[in-house]
């Protein structure tokens, strides 16, 4: 599916409220409206940047005391962590027990030192994708800049060499091929939020559309 058809289809889903179901009153591991998969479906905007680690860089700016640029060597010098988490896609699939390795967002936050007025982060990718997440969510203990999955380098189709992993929200909030982070005091709509999708995207609250 090319980019224009994909965007049109997802805009239609937002208008129709596709996949919304009556959910249980208690929080369970599998959010309402989701089904489990064993594979890892590939979703993108119709293109997959072909980035070698040597070509990758991340710029960070906005409402921070210390803007920075990390290249691959800089990222490798940061403390590395492993994290196991579930992922939930707004297209209704979930996958349990994904094992990631990378750099905790807490490490990035400690380096740039957000200003008190910083409340949101605009995240941009090498394929022109963008989304916005609250600083509170970005700083979660299980959030990381992932470079590997299940013991292998993160593949191109899944966002390698570096993607964000933010398990508490639908996976459109975890952009692939991450290249830029901008701290701001405003909740700025990104690629899908501007097309009818929810500003936050909590799977257990079924915040698919806003």
C-alpha atoms as a PDB file:
ATOM      1  CA  UNK A   1       0.000   0.000   0.000  1.00  0.00           C
ATOM      2  CA  UNK A   2       1.495   3.358  -0.985  1.00  0.00           C
ATOM      3  CA  UNK A   3       1.690   6.315   1.360  1.00  0.00           C
ATOM      4  CA  UNK A   4      -1.396   8.180   0.037  1.00  0.00           C
ATOM      5  CA  UNK A   5      -3.632   5.096   0.233  1.00  0.00           C
ATOM      6  CA  UNK A   6      -2.372   4.239   3.714  1.00  0.00           C
ATOM      7  CA  UNK A   7      -3.006   7.750   5.015  1.00  0.00           C
ATOM      8  CA  UNK A   8      -6.486   7.838   3.442  1.00  0.00           C
ATOM      9  CA  UNK A   9      -7.370   4.465   4.980  1.00  0.00           C
ATOM     10  CA  UNK A  10      -6.290   5.489   8.463  1.00  0.00           C
ATOM     11  CA  UNK A  11      -8.145   8.796   8.213  1.00  0.00           C
ATOM     12  CA  UNK A  12     -11.267   6.778   7.351  1.00  0.00           C
ATOM     13  CA  UNK A  13     -10.692   4.510  10.360  1.00  0.00           C
ATOM     14  CA  UNK A  14     -10.572   7.557  12.627  1.00  0.00           C
ATOM     15  CA  UNK A  15     -13.839   8.917  11.212  1.00  0.00           C
ATOM     16  CA  UNK A  16     -15.565   5.541  11.589  1.00  0.00           C
ATOM     17  CA  UNK A  17     -14.155   4.683  15.020  1.00  0.00           C
ATOM     18  CA  UNK A  18     -12.837   1.388  13.648  1.00  0.00           C
ATOM     19  CA  UNK A  19     -11.830  -1.290  16.203  1.00  0.00           C
ATOM     20  CA  UNK A  20     -13.440   0.396  19.217  1.00  0.00           C
ATOM     21  CA  UNK A  21     -15.090  -2.209  21.462  1.00  0.00           C
ATOM     22  CA  UNK A  22     -16.627  -2.350  24.913  1.00  0.00           C
ATOM     23  CA  UNK A  23     -13.737  -3.114  27.239  1.00  0.00           C
ATOM     24  CA  UNK A  24     -13.514  -4.661  30.724  1.00  0.00           C
ATOM     25  CA  UNK A  25     -13.576  -2.436  33.763  1.00  0.00           C
ATOM     26  CA  UNK A  26     -10.249  -3.743  35.051  1.00  0.00           C
ATOM     27  CA  UNK A  27      -6.850  -3.367  33.456  1.00  0.00           C
ATOM     28  CA  UNK A  28      -5.618  -6.596  31.888  1.00  0.00           C
ATOM     29  CA  UNK A  29      -2.433  -7.447  30.074  1.00  0.00           C
ATOM     30  CA  UNK A  30      -4.185  -7.513  26.693  1.00  0.00           C
ATOM     31  CA  UNK A  31      -5.928  -4.158  26.107  1.00  0.00           C
ATOM     32  CA  UNK A  32      -9.530  -4.177  24.821  1.00  0.00           C
ATOM     33  CA  UNK A  33      -9.940  -4.674  21.093  1.00  0.00           C
ATOM     34  CA  UNK A  34      -6.493  -6.245  20.676  1.00  0.00           C
ATOM     35  CA  UNK A  35      -5.487  -9.730  19.502  1.00  0.00           C
ATOM     36  CA  UNK A  36      -2.172 -11.474  20.040  1.00  0.00           C
ATOM     37  CA  UNK A  37       0.288 -12.176  17.236  1.00  0.00           C
ATOM     38  CA  UNK A  38       3.501 -14.215  17.206  1.00  0.00           C
ATOM     39  CA  UNK A  39       5.119 -12.437  14.283  1.00  0.00           C
ATOM     40  CA  UNK A  40       5.881  -8.715  14.165  1.00  0.00           C
ATOM     41  CA  UNK A  41       3.819  -6.963  11.476  1.00  0.00           C
ATOM     42  CA  UNK A  42       5.584  -4.263   9.461  1.00  0.00           C
ATOM     43  CA  UNK A  43       3.836  -0.882   9.183  1.00  0.00           C
ATOM     44  CA  UNK A  44       5.303   2.283   7.711  1.00  0.00           C
ATOM     45  CA  UNK A  45       4.478   5.211   5.428  1.00  0.00           C
ATOM     46  CA  UNK A  46       5.518   3.366   2.296  1.00  0.00           C
ATOM     47  CA  UNK A  47       9.269   3.894   2.550  1.00  0.00           C
ATOM     48  CA  UNK A  48      12.017   2.513   4.764  1.00  0.00           C
ATOM     49  CA  UNK A  49      15.124   4.683   5.134  1.00  0.00           C
ATOM     50  CA  UNK A  50      18.244   2.647   4.443  1.00  0.00           C
ATOM     51  CA  UNK A  51      20.485   3.891   7.235  1.00  0.00           C
ATOM     52  CA  UNK A  52      23.769   2.358   8.256  1.00  0.00           C
ATOM     53  CA  UNK A  53      24.702   2.984  11.885  1.00  0.00           C
ATOM     54  CA  UNK A  54      27.509   5.239  10.630  1.00  0.00           C
ATOM     55  CA  UNK A  55      24.910   7.412   8.843  1.00  0.00           C
ATOM     56  CA  UNK A  56      22.589   7.761  11.841  1.00  0.00           C
ATOM     57  CA  UNK A  57      22.447  10.806  14.099  1.00  0.00           C
ATOM     58  CA  UNK A  58      20.033  12.214  16.657  1.00  0.00           C
ATOM     59  CA  UNK A  59      19.603  15.907  17.400  1.00  0.00           C
ATOM     60  CA  UNK A  60      17.897  17.079  20.583  1.00  0.00           C
ATOM     61  CA  UNK A  61      16.837  20.663  21.295  1.00  0.00           C
ATOM     62  CA  UNK A  62      14.059  22.996  22.367  1.00  0.00           C
ATOM     63  CA  UNK A  63      13.366  23.638  26.036  1.00  0.00           C
ATOM     64  CA  UNK A  64      16.541  22.024  27.383  1.00  0.00           C
ATOM     65  CA  UNK A  65      19.642  23.360  29.076  1.00  0.00           C
ATOM     66  CA  UNK A  66      22.061  21.318  26.985  1.00  0.00           C
ATOM     67  CA  UNK A  67      21.065  20.609  23.355  1.00  0.00           C
ATOM     68  CA  UNK A  68      23.028  17.750  21.876  1.00  0.00           C
ATOM     69  CA  UNK A  69      23.758  15.673  18.822  1.00  0.00           C
ATOM     70  CA  UNK A  70      24.467  11.962  19.201  1.00  0.00           C
ATOM     71  CA  UNK A  71      26.014   9.884  16.465  1.00  0.00           C
ATOM     72  CA  UNK A  72      26.231   6.114  16.598  1.00  0.00           C
ATOM     73  CA  UNK A  73      29.532   6.117  18.499  1.00  0.00           C
ATOM     74  CA  UNK A  74      28.080   8.532  21.045  1.00  0.00           C
ATOM     75  CA  UNK A  75      25.046   6.293  21.546  1.00  0.00           C
ATOM     76  CA  UNK A  76      27.234   3.228  22.038  1.00  0.00           C
ATOM     77  CA  UNK A  77      29.188   5.036  24.772  1.00  0.00           C
ATOM     78  CA  UNK A  78      26.031   5.543  26.850  1.00  0.00           C
ATOM     79  CA  UNK A  79      25.010   2.966  29.493  1.00  0.00           C
ATOM     80  CA  UNK A  80      23.188   0.109  27.762  1.00  0.00           C
ATOM     81  CA  UNK A  81      20.115  -1.577  29.229  1.00  0.00           C
ATOM     82  CA  UNK A  82      17.882  -4.532  28.448  1.00  0.00           C
ATOM     83  CA  UNK A  83      14.123  -4.262  28.779  1.00  0.00           C
ATOM     84  CA  UNK A  84      11.282  -6.719  28.144  1.00  0.00           C
ATOM     85  CA  UNK A  85       7.887  -5.271  27.258  1.00  0.00           C
ATOM     86  CA  UNK A  86       4.667  -5.841  25.328  1.00  0.00           C
ATOM     87  CA  UNK A  87       3.776  -3.762  22.300  1.00  0.00           C
ATOM     88  CA  UNK A  88       0.266  -2.763  21.204  1.00  0.00           C
ATOM     89  CA  UNK A  89      -0.508  -1.423  17.734  1.00  0.00           C
ATOM     90  CA  UNK A  90      -3.532   0.770  17.062  1.00  0.00           C
ATOM     91  CA  UNK A  91      -4.379  -1.583  14.169  1.00  0.00           C
ATOM     92  CA  UNK A  92      -5.420  -4.093  16.888  1.00  0.00           C
ATOM     93  CA  UNK A  93      -2.472  -6.482  17.228  1.00  0.00           C
ATOM     94  CA  UNK A  94      -0.341  -6.969  20.325  1.00  0.00           C
ATOM     95  CA  UNK A  95       2.881  -8.893  20.845  1.00  0.00           C
ATOM     96  CA  UNK A  96       4.087 -10.028  24.258  1.00  0.00           C
ATOM     97  CA  UNK A  97       7.583 -10.240  25.745  1.00  0.00           C
ATOM     98  CA  UNK A  98       9.740  -8.287  23.317  1.00  0.00           C
ATOM     99  CA  UNK A  99      13.354  -8.126  24.496  1.00  0.00           C
ATOM    100  CA  UNK A 100      15.038  -4.831  23.678  1.00  0.00           C
ATOM    101  CA  UNK A 101      18.502  -3.455  24.164  1.00  0.00           C
ATOM    102  CA  UNK A 102      19.497   0.187  23.917  1.00  0.00           C
ATOM    103  CA  UNK A 103      19.792   3.412  25.884  1.00  0.00           C
ATOM    104  CA  UNK A 104      17.202   4.398  28.481  1.00  0.00           C
ATOM    105  CA  UNK A 105      15.482   7.696  27.808  1.00  0.00           C
ATOM    106  CA  UNK A 106      16.412   8.578  31.399  1.00  0.00           C
ATOM    107  CA  UNK A 107      20.025   8.759  30.189  1.00  0.00           C
ATOM    108  CA  UNK A 108      19.077  11.173  27.416  1.00  0.00           C
ATOM    109  CA  UNK A 109      17.044  13.309  29.814  1.00  0.00           C
ATOM    110  CA  UNK A 110      19.941  13.500  32.265  1.00  0.00           C
ATOM    111  CA  UNK A 111      22.200  14.686  29.445  1.00  0.00           C
ATOM    112  CA  UNK A 112      19.952  17.434  28.035  1.00  0.00           C
ATOM    113  CA  UNK A 113      18.330  18.585  31.321  1.00  0.00           C
ATOM    114  CA  UNK A 114      14.801  19.673  30.284  1.00  0.00           C
ATOM    115  CA  UNK A 115      13.665  23.083  31.500  1.00  0.00           C
ATOM    116  CA  UNK A 116      10.722  23.220  33.953  1.00  0.00           C
ATOM    117  CA  UNK A 117       8.343  24.457  31.256  1.00  0.00           C
ATOM    118  CA  UNK A 118       9.048  21.455  28.985  1.00  0.00           C
ATOM    119  CA  UNK A 119       5.946  19.236  28.997  1.00  0.00           C
ATOM    120  CA  UNK A 120       5.978  17.482  25.601  1.00  0.00           C
ATOM    121  CA  UNK A 121       8.433  16.089  23.069  1.00  0.00           C
ATOM    122  CA  UNK A 122       8.038  16.266  19.304  1.00  0.00           C
ATOM    123  CA  UNK A 123       9.675  13.181  17.779  1.00  0.00           C
ATOM    124  CA  UNK A 124      10.710  13.125  14.124  1.00  0.00           C
ATOM    125  CA  UNK A 125      11.980  10.310  11.917  1.00  0.00           C
ATOM    126  CA  UNK A 126      14.153   9.991   8.842  1.00  0.00           C
ATOM    127  CA  UNK A 127      11.039   9.129   6.769  1.00  0.00           C
ATOM    128  CA  UNK A 128       9.308  12.462   7.633  1.00  0.00           C
ATOM    129  CA  UNK A 129       7.075  10.800  10.258  1.00  0.00           C
ATOM    130  CA  UNK A 130       6.332  12.791  13.421  1.00  0.00           C
ATOM    131  CA  UNK A 131       4.481  12.323  16.681  1.00  0.00           C
ATOM    132  CA  UNK A 132       4.271  14.070  20.060  1.00  0.00           C
ATOM    133  CA  UNK A 133       4.387  12.484  23.524  1.00  0.00           C
ATOM    134  CA  UNK A 134       4.178  13.884  27.050  1.00  0.00           C
ATOM    135  CA  UNK A 135       7.482  14.171  28.903  1.00  0.00           C
ATOM    136  CA  UNK A 136       5.894  12.152  31.713  1.00  0.00           C
ATOM    137  CA  UNK A 137       5.412   9.206  29.346  1.00  0.00           C
ATOM    138  CA  UNK A 138       8.796   9.578  27.635  1.00  0.00           C
ATOM    139  CA  UNK A 139      10.563   9.355  30.992  1.00  0.00           C
ATOM    140  CA  UNK A 140       8.998   5.998  31.941  1.00  0.00           C
ATOM    141  CA  UNK A 141      11.320   3.323  33.350  1.00  0.00           C
ATOM    142  CA  UNK A 142      10.759   0.954  30.406  1.00  0.00           C
ATOM    143  CA  UNK A 143      11.197   3.571  27.643  1.00  0.00           C
ATOM    144  CA  UNK A 144      14.376   3.387  25.585  1.00  0.00           C
ATOM    145  CA  UNK A 145      16.121   4.198  22.350  1.00  0.00           C
ATOM    146  CA  UNK A 146      16.239   0.648  21.044  1.00  0.00           C
ATOM    147  CA  UNK A 147      19.068  -0.681  18.899  1.00  0.00           C
ATOM    148  CA  UNK A 148      18.369  -4.412  19.136  1.00  0.00           C
ATOM    149  CA  UNK A 149      15.388  -6.756  19.427  1.00  0.00           C
ATOM    150  CA  UNK A 150      15.548 -10.343  20.701  1.00  0.00           C
ATOM    151  CA  UNK A 151      19.335 -10.286  20.711  1.00  0.00           C
ATOM    152  CA  UNK A 152      19.855  -9.036  17.153  1.00  0.00           C
ATOM    153  CA  UNK A 153      20.430  -5.547  15.727  1.00  0.00           C
ATOM    154  CA  UNK A 154      17.129  -3.834  15.018  1.00  0.00           C
ATOM    155  CA  UNK A 155      16.281  -4.460  11.366  1.00  0.00           C
ATOM    156  CA  UNK A 156      15.633  -1.731   8.827  1.00  0.00           C
ATOM    157  CA  UNK A 157      11.954  -2.653   8.442  1.00  0.00           C
ATOM    158  CA  UNK A 158      11.367  -2.285  12.179  1.00  0.00           C
ATOM    159  CA  UNK A 159      13.120   1.054  12.517  1.00  0.00           C
ATOM    160  CA  UNK A 160      16.806   0.213  12.697  1.00  0.00           C
ATOM    161  CA  UNK A 161      19.304   1.351  13.531  1.00  0.00           C
ATOM    162  CA  UNK A 162      17.429   3.275  16.287  1.00  0.00           C
ATOM    163  CA  UNK A 163      13.775   3.584  17.210  1.00  0.00           C
ATOM    164  CA  UNK A 164      11.913   4.702  20.302  1.00  0.00           C
ATOM    165  CA  UNK A 165      10.119   2.053  22.374  1.00  0.00           C
ATOM    166  CA  UNK A 166       7.390   3.458  24.633  1.00  0.00           C
ATOM    167  CA  UNK A 167       5.328   0.429  25.736  1.00  0.00           C
ATOM    168  CA  UNK A 168       2.634   2.298  27.700  1.00  0.00           C
ATOM    169  CA  UNK A 169       1.135   3.835  24.535  1.00  0.00           C
ATOM    170  CA  UNK A 170      -0.011   2.537  21.154  1.00  0.00           C
ATOM    171  CA  UNK A 171       3.033   1.842  19.044  1.00  0.00           C
ATOM    172  CA  UNK A 172       2.542   4.764  16.661  1.00  0.00           C
ATOM    173  CA  UNK A 173       3.987   6.776  19.561  1.00  0.00           C
ATOM    174  CA  UNK A 174       7.268   4.834  19.227  1.00  0.00           C
ATOM    175  CA  UNK A 175       8.673   6.204  15.968  1.00  0.00           C
ATOM    176  CA  UNK A 176      11.062   4.220  13.822  1.00  0.00           C
ATOM    177  CA  UNK A 177      14.324   5.655  12.416  1.00  0.00           C
ATOM    178  CA  UNK A 178      14.396   8.345  15.107  1.00  0.00           C
ATOM    179  CA  UNK A 179      16.400  11.435  14.119  1.00  0.00           C
ATOM    180  CA  UNK A 180      15.162  14.450  16.143  1.00  0.00           C
ATOM    181  CA  UNK A 181      13.655  15.221  19.557  1.00  0.00           C
ATOM    182  CA  UNK A 182      12.299  18.685  20.365  1.00  0.00           C
ATOM    183  CA  UNK A 183      11.184  19.641  23.884  1.00  0.00           C
ATOM    184  CA  UNK A 184       8.242  22.034  24.006  1.00  0.00           C
ATOM    185  CA  UNK A 185       5.463  23.314  26.246  1.00  0.00           C
ATOM    186  CA  UNK A 186       2.769  22.486  23.649  1.00  0.00           C
ATOM    187  CA  UNK A 187       1.049  19.272  22.561  1.00  0.00           C
ATOM    188  CA  UNK A 188       1.709  19.469  18.820  1.00  0.00           C
ATOM    189  CA  UNK A 189      -0.198  17.018  16.555  1.00  0.00           C
ATOM    190  CA  UNK A 190       1.999  14.731  14.478  1.00  0.00           C
ATOM    191  CA  UNK A 191       1.413  12.612  11.384  1.00  0.00           C
ATOM    192  CA  UNK A 192      -1.533  10.592  12.729  1.00  0.00           C
ATOM    193  CA  UNK A 193      -2.784  12.973  15.426  1.00  0.00           C
ATOM    194  CA  UNK A 194      -3.426  15.557  12.704  1.00  0.00           C
ATOM    195  CA  UNK A 195      -5.539  12.946  10.902  1.00  0.00           C
ATOM    196  CA  UNK A 196      -7.959  12.095  13.700  1.00  0.00           C
ATOM    197  CA  UNK A 197      -5.898   9.933  16.028  1.00  0.00           C
ATOM    198  CA  UNK A 198      -5.767  10.506  19.779  1.00  0.00           C
ATOM    199  CA  UNK A 199      -3.222  12.939  21.227  1.00  0.00           C
ATOM    200  CA  UNK A 200      -2.125  10.442  23.931  1.00  0.00           C
ATOM    201  CA  UNK A 201      -2.942   6.890  22.753  1.00  0.00           C
ATOM    202  CA  UNK A 202      -3.420   4.804  25.925  1.00  0.00           C
ATOM    203  CA  UNK A 203      -4.309   1.237  24.780  1.00  0.00           C
ATOM    204  CA  UNK A 204      -6.214   0.335  27.958  1.00  0.00           C
ATOM    205  CA  UNK A 205      -8.451   3.384  27.543  1.00  0.00           C
ATOM    206  CA  UNK A 206      -8.874   2.643  23.811  1.00  0.00           C
ATOM    207  CA  UNK A 207      -7.565   6.059  22.939  1.00  0.00           C
ATOM    208  CA  UNK A 208      -7.326   5.222  19.261  1.00  0.00           C
ATOM    209  CA  UNK A 209      -8.995   8.367  17.970  1.00  0.00           C
ATOM    210  CA  UNK A 210      -9.348  11.831  19.406  1.00  0.00           C
END
